[in-house]
């Protein structure tokens, strides 16, 4: 009986590690002429499901000056998958958060986009986004 529980524990721990076996970064660059506060990054994989949040962005690194960036990491269960990236930020002239989805055309990135680009999605915030 003890032998079965050990095998079950090993199998479950291997499965738990492989559920999020892939990670990628989202580089958010401030290309605006003013500072912007980036509050969060998430992604939506094509298909049903709740969009997972990427790693927490510390309070110290949220406020980006022109040409500065944050680079949160995201976990996923598949490397090649179509995804959209959402960035939530706050403009200095407005106290409300705004969320933009990339790519800007509303479609999904190609399946191999992250793998082909160093396991990274790069998005740029422009003046017209505020």
C-alpha atoms as a PDB file:
ATOM      1  CA  UNK A   1       0.000   0.000   0.000  1.00  0.00           C
ATOM      2  CA  UNK A   2       2.812   2.400   0.881  1.00  0.00           C
ATOM      3  CA  UNK A   3       4.511   1.561  -2.431  1.00  0.00           C
ATOM      4  CA  UNK A   4       1.403   2.685  -4.381  1.00  0.00           C
ATOM      5  CA  UNK A   5       1.209   5.997  -2.542  1.00  0.00           C
ATOM      6  CA  UNK A   6       4.879   6.725  -3.280  1.00  0.00           C
ATOM      7  CA  UNK A   7       4.354   6.023  -6.991  1.00  0.00           C
ATOM      8  CA  UNK A   8       1.206   8.150  -7.021  1.00  0.00           C
ATOM      9  CA  UNK A   9       3.030  11.040  -5.319  1.00  0.00           C
ATOM     10  CA  UNK A  10       5.892  10.898  -7.836  1.00  0.00           C
ATOM     11  CA  UNK A  11       3.518  10.799 -10.808  1.00  0.00           C
ATOM     12  CA  UNK A  12       1.443  13.709  -9.487  1.00  0.00           C
ATOM     13  CA  UNK A  13       4.505  15.834  -8.748  1.00  0.00           C
ATOM     14  CA  UNK A  14       5.848  15.242 -12.263  1.00  0.00           C
ATOM     15  CA  UNK A  15       2.460  16.141 -13.704  1.00  0.00           C
ATOM     16  CA  UNK A  16       2.244  19.323 -11.600  1.00  0.00           C
ATOM     17  CA  UNK A  17       5.665  20.438 -12.814  1.00  0.00           C
ATOM     18  CA  UNK A  18       4.802  19.777 -16.447  1.00  0.00           C
ATOM     19  CA  UNK A  19       1.477  21.658 -16.357  1.00  0.00           C
ATOM     20  CA  UNK A  20       3.364  24.958 -16.636  1.00  0.00           C
ATOM     21  CA  UNK A  21       6.459  23.619 -18.345  1.00  0.00           C
ATOM     22  CA  UNK A  22       6.985  26.668 -20.556  1.00  0.00           C
ATOM     23  CA  UNK A  23       7.556  30.300 -19.673  1.00  0.00           C
ATOM     24  CA  UNK A  24       7.934  33.424 -21.767  1.00  0.00           C
ATOM     25  CA  UNK A  25       8.527  37.114 -21.088  1.00  0.00           C
ATOM     26  CA  UNK A  26       6.484  40.126 -22.095  1.00  0.00           C
ATOM     27  CA  UNK A  27       8.642  43.206 -22.586  1.00  0.00           C
ATOM     28  CA  UNK A  28       6.499  46.336 -22.196  1.00  0.00           C
ATOM     29  CA  UNK A  29       8.316  49.437 -23.495  1.00  0.00           C
ATOM     30  CA  UNK A  30       7.140  52.982 -22.815  1.00  0.00           C
ATOM     31  CA  UNK A  31       7.480  54.874 -26.105  1.00  0.00           C
ATOM     32  CA  UNK A  32       5.303  57.740 -24.832  1.00  0.00           C
ATOM     33  CA  UNK A  33       6.620  61.254 -24.303  1.00  0.00           C
ATOM     34  CA  UNK A  34       5.572  61.018 -20.631  1.00  0.00           C
ATOM     35  CA  UNK A  35       5.723  58.536 -17.768  1.00  0.00           C
ATOM     36  CA  UNK A  36       3.221  55.703 -17.540  1.00  0.00           C
ATOM     37  CA  UNK A  37       2.370  53.313 -14.709  1.00  0.00           C
ATOM     38  CA  UNK A  38       2.136  49.667 -15.821  1.00  0.00           C
ATOM     39  CA  UNK A  39      -0.100  47.788 -13.384  1.00  0.00           C
ATOM     40  CA  UNK A  40      -0.315  44.330 -14.906  1.00  0.00           C
ATOM     41  CA  UNK A  41       0.270  42.009 -17.825  1.00  0.00           C
ATOM     42  CA  UNK A  42      -1.760  38.957 -18.787  1.00  0.00           C
ATOM     43  CA  UNK A  43      -2.264  36.794 -21.820  1.00  0.00           C
ATOM     44  CA  UNK A  44      -5.132  34.991 -23.459  1.00  0.00           C
ATOM     45  CA  UNK A  45      -4.456  31.698 -25.192  1.00  0.00           C
ATOM     46  CA  UNK A  46      -6.674  30.909 -28.159  1.00  0.00           C
ATOM     47  CA  UNK A  47      -9.564  28.799 -26.934  1.00  0.00           C
ATOM     48  CA  UNK A  48     -11.659  28.785 -23.765  1.00  0.00           C
ATOM     49  CA  UNK A  49     -10.234  29.674 -20.384  1.00  0.00           C
ATOM     50  CA  UNK A  50      -9.455  32.450 -17.954  1.00  0.00           C
ATOM     51  CA  UNK A  51      -6.543  34.697 -18.995  1.00  0.00           C
ATOM     52  CA  UNK A  52      -3.645  34.013 -16.599  1.00  0.00           C
ATOM     53  CA  UNK A  53      -1.777  36.888 -15.013  1.00  0.00           C
ATOM     54  CA  UNK A  54       1.942  37.115 -15.521  1.00  0.00           C
ATOM     55  CA  UNK A  55       4.409  37.670 -12.702  1.00  0.00           C
ATOM     56  CA  UNK A  56       3.753  40.516 -10.288  1.00  0.00           C
ATOM     57  CA  UNK A  57       5.283  43.870 -11.226  1.00  0.00           C
ATOM     58  CA  UNK A  58       6.783  45.444  -8.114  1.00  0.00           C
ATOM     59  CA  UNK A  59       5.651  48.923  -7.109  1.00  0.00           C
ATOM     60  CA  UNK A  60       9.172  50.288  -7.626  1.00  0.00           C
ATOM     61  CA  UNK A  61       9.298  49.242 -11.289  1.00  0.00           C
ATOM     62  CA  UNK A  62       5.740  50.124 -12.360  1.00  0.00           C
ATOM     63  CA  UNK A  63       6.387  53.785 -13.173  1.00  0.00           C
ATOM     64  CA  UNK A  64       8.164  53.871 -16.539  1.00  0.00           C
ATOM     65  CA  UNK A  65       9.861  56.904 -18.027  1.00  0.00           C
ATOM     66  CA  UNK A  66      10.263  57.264 -21.776  1.00  0.00           C
ATOM     67  CA  UNK A  67      12.070  54.241 -23.303  1.00  0.00           C
ATOM     68  CA  UNK A  68      12.113  52.310 -20.016  1.00  0.00           C
ATOM     69  CA  UNK A  69      10.569  48.844 -19.835  1.00  0.00           C
ATOM     70  CA  UNK A  70       9.320  46.090 -17.552  1.00  0.00           C
ATOM     71  CA  UNK A  71       9.760  42.447 -18.401  1.00  0.00           C
ATOM     72  CA  UNK A  72       7.342  40.213 -16.444  1.00  0.00           C
ATOM     73  CA  UNK A  73       7.461  36.466 -16.976  1.00  0.00           C
ATOM     74  CA  UNK A  74       4.421  34.326 -17.813  1.00  0.00           C
ATOM     75  CA  UNK A  75       3.881  30.599 -17.345  1.00  0.00           C
ATOM     76  CA  UNK A  76       2.113  28.446 -19.907  1.00  0.00           C
ATOM     77  CA  UNK A  77       1.564  24.778 -20.542  1.00  0.00           C
ATOM     78  CA  UNK A  78       2.482  24.890 -24.266  1.00  0.00           C
ATOM     79  CA  UNK A  79       5.304  26.693 -26.067  1.00  0.00           C
ATOM     80  CA  UNK A  80       3.700  27.084 -29.480  1.00  0.00           C
ATOM     81  CA  UNK A  81       0.228  28.506 -29.036  1.00  0.00           C
ATOM     82  CA  UNK A  82      -1.656  31.493 -30.375  1.00  0.00           C
ATOM     83  CA  UNK A  83      -1.843  34.208 -27.723  1.00  0.00           C
ATOM     84  CA  UNK A  84      -2.961  37.805 -27.169  1.00  0.00           C
ATOM     85  CA  UNK A  85      -1.144  39.982 -24.646  1.00  0.00           C
ATOM     86  CA  UNK A  86      -3.038  42.454 -22.421  1.00  0.00           C
ATOM     87  CA  UNK A  87      -1.312  45.335 -20.650  1.00  0.00           C
ATOM     88  CA  UNK A  88      -3.078  47.351 -17.963  1.00  0.00           C
ATOM     89  CA  UNK A  89      -1.610  50.799 -17.369  1.00  0.00           C
ATOM     90  CA  UNK A  90      -2.443  54.255 -16.070  1.00  0.00           C
ATOM     91  CA  UNK A  91      -1.746  57.501 -17.924  1.00  0.00           C
ATOM     92  CA  UNK A  92      -0.656  60.556 -15.878  1.00  0.00           C
ATOM     93  CA  UNK A  93      -3.621  62.679 -16.993  1.00  0.00           C
ATOM     94  CA  UNK A  94      -6.163  60.011 -16.013  1.00  0.00           C
ATOM     95  CA  UNK A  95      -6.667  58.173 -12.727  1.00  0.00           C
ATOM     96  CA  UNK A  96      -8.403  55.201 -14.372  1.00  0.00           C
ATOM     97  CA  UNK A  97      -6.624  52.082 -15.576  1.00  0.00           C
ATOM     98  CA  UNK A  98      -6.663  51.317 -19.271  1.00  0.00           C
ATOM     99  CA  UNK A  99      -6.130  47.888 -20.835  1.00  0.00           C
ATOM    100  CA  UNK A 100      -4.727  47.404 -24.320  1.00  0.00           C
ATOM    101  CA  UNK A 101      -4.561  44.101 -26.160  1.00  0.00           C
ATOM    102  CA  UNK A 102      -1.741  43.183 -28.508  1.00  0.00           C
ATOM    103  CA  UNK A 103      -1.423  42.610 -31.378  1.00  0.00           C
ATOM    104  CA  UNK A 104      -3.291  45.814 -32.025  1.00  0.00           C
ATOM    105  CA  UNK A 105      -5.309  44.331 -34.882  1.00  0.00           C
ATOM    106  CA  UNK A 106      -7.287  42.216 -32.385  1.00  0.00           C
ATOM    107  CA  UNK A 107      -6.065  38.919 -33.772  1.00  0.00           C
ATOM    108  CA  UNK A 108      -3.670  36.463 -32.113  1.00  0.00           C
ATOM    109  CA  UNK A 109       0.103  36.277 -32.471  1.00  0.00           C
ATOM    110  CA  UNK A 110       1.331  33.390 -34.618  1.00  0.00           C
ATOM    111  CA  UNK A 111       1.767  30.073 -32.823  1.00  0.00           C
ATOM    112  CA  UNK A 112       5.554  30.197 -32.850  1.00  0.00           C
ATOM    113  CA  UNK A 113       5.946  33.944 -32.162  1.00  0.00           C
ATOM    114  CA  UNK A 114       7.425  33.569 -28.667  1.00  0.00           C
ATOM    115  CA  UNK A 115       9.703  30.677 -29.607  1.00  0.00           C
ATOM    116  CA  UNK A 116      10.970  32.500 -32.704  1.00  0.00           C
ATOM    117  CA  UNK A 117      11.638  35.730 -30.745  1.00  0.00           C
ATOM    118  CA  UNK A 118      13.729  34.505 -27.830  1.00  0.00           C
ATOM    119  CA  UNK A 119      10.683  33.385 -25.762  1.00  0.00           C
ATOM    120  CA  UNK A 120       9.466  36.972 -25.588  1.00  0.00           C
ATOM    121  CA  UNK A 121       6.609  39.160 -26.762  1.00  0.00           C
ATOM    122  CA  UNK A 122       7.574  42.838 -27.097  1.00  0.00           C
ATOM    123  CA  UNK A 123       4.811  45.449 -26.893  1.00  0.00           C
ATOM    124  CA  UNK A 124       5.189  49.229 -27.092  1.00  0.00           C
ATOM    125  CA  UNK A 125       2.960  51.837 -25.484  1.00  0.00           C
ATOM    126  CA  UNK A 126       2.596  54.954 -27.661  1.00  0.00           C
ATOM    127  CA  UNK A 127       1.346  58.491 -27.015  1.00  0.00           C
ATOM    128  CA  UNK A 128      -1.893  57.712 -28.824  1.00  0.00           C
ATOM    129  CA  UNK A 129      -2.660  54.984 -26.254  1.00  0.00           C
ATOM    130  CA  UNK A 130      -3.558  57.578 -23.639  1.00  0.00           C
END
